[in-house]
Amino acid sequence: MKIAPYIKEKRKRLGLTQTDLAEKAGVGLRFVRDLEQGKATLRLDKVNQILELFGSEVGVIRKEVVDE
């Protein structure tokens, strides 16, 4: 699952507004909006601040490489 829908789903499941999430994570409302809209360039430390509330963090995963 991509980060944007994961964050939005978790936030809604917990009954939080975007403002609530921003305050609890210590980030700006604009950042939460950008994150949920899938903005391509975001600070990973701030993404992890939000994910920490859900017991998660951004990490490296191995991607399958398909030989052509």
Protein backbone atom coordinates (compact mmCIF):
# COMPACT_ATOMS: atom_id res chain seq x y z
CA MET A 1 0.00 0.00 0.00
CA LYS A 2 1.22 3.50 -0.77
CA ILE A 3 1.80 5.95 2.06
CA ALA A 4 -0.88 8.51 1.15
CA PRO A 5 -3.90 6.17 1.31
CA TYR A 6 -2.42 4.39 4.34
CA ILE A 7 -2.19 7.64 6.32
CA LYS A 8 -5.64 8.81 5.26
CA GLU A 9 -7.25 5.46 6.10
CA LYS A 10 -5.58 5.24 9.52
CA ARG A 11 -6.48 8.85 10.33
CA LYS A 12 -10.13 8.33 9.45
CA ARG A 13 -10.29 5.00 11.28
CA LEU A 14 -9.12 6.79 14.44
CA GLY A 15 -11.65 9.58 13.90
CA LEU A 16 -9.00 12.26 13.50
CA THR A 17 -9.25 15.33 11.33
CA GLN A 18 -6.24 16.44 9.34
CA THR A 19 -5.78 19.22 11.91
CA ASP A 20 -5.86 16.69 14.77
CA LEU A 21 -3.26 14.53 13.05
CA ALA A 22 -0.99 17.50 12.36
CA GLU A 23 -1.14 18.60 16.00
CA LYS A 24 -0.54 15.12 17.41
CA ALA A 25 2.40 14.49 15.06
CA GLY A 26 3.93 17.94 15.48
CA VAL A 27 3.75 18.82 11.79
CA GLY A 28 1.88 21.49 9.87
CA LEU A 29 -1.59 21.04 8.45
CA ARG A 30 -0.25 21.81 4.98
CA PHE A 31 2.19 18.90 5.31
CA VAL A 32 -0.63 16.48 6.20
CA ARG A 33 -2.67 17.68 3.23
CA ASP A 34 0.29 17.33 0.86
CA LEU A 35 1.03 13.86 2.22
CA GLU A 36 -2.53 12.62 1.83
CA GLN A 37 -2.67 14.01 -1.71
CA GLY A 38 0.42 12.01 -2.63
CA LYS A 39 2.86 14.87 -3.14
CA ALA A 40 6.05 13.36 -4.55
CA THR A 41 8.55 15.43 -2.54
CA LEU A 42 8.14 15.31 1.22
CA ARG A 43 10.56 15.23 4.14
CA LEU A 44 10.92 11.66 5.37
CA ASP A 45 11.52 12.73 8.96
CA LYS A 46 8.11 14.39 9.00
CA VAL A 47 6.48 11.41 7.29
CA ASN A 48 7.94 9.23 10.04
CA GLN A 49 6.60 11.60 12.71
CA ILE A 50 3.11 10.85 11.42
CA LEU A 51 3.69 7.14 10.86
CA GLU A 52 5.02 6.82 14.41
CA LEU A 53 1.49 7.55 15.68
CA PHE A 54 0.35 4.39 13.87
CA GLY A 55 3.27 2.23 15.00
CA SER A 56 4.95 2.34 11.58
CA GLU A 57 7.89 3.96 9.83
CA VAL A 58 9.23 4.41 6.31
CA GLY A 59 11.77 1.76 5.41
CA VAL A 60 13.59 0.22 2.51
CA ILE A 61 12.00 -2.78 0.82
CA ARG A 62 13.52 -4.93 -1.86
CA LYS A 63 11.89 -4.49 -5.23
CA GLU A 64 11.50 -7.38 -7.64
CA VAL A 65 13.68 -6.87 -10.70
CA VAL A 66 12.29 -8.25 -13.93
CA ASP A 67 14.86 -9.27 -16.56
CA GLU A 68 13.98 -8.08 -20.02
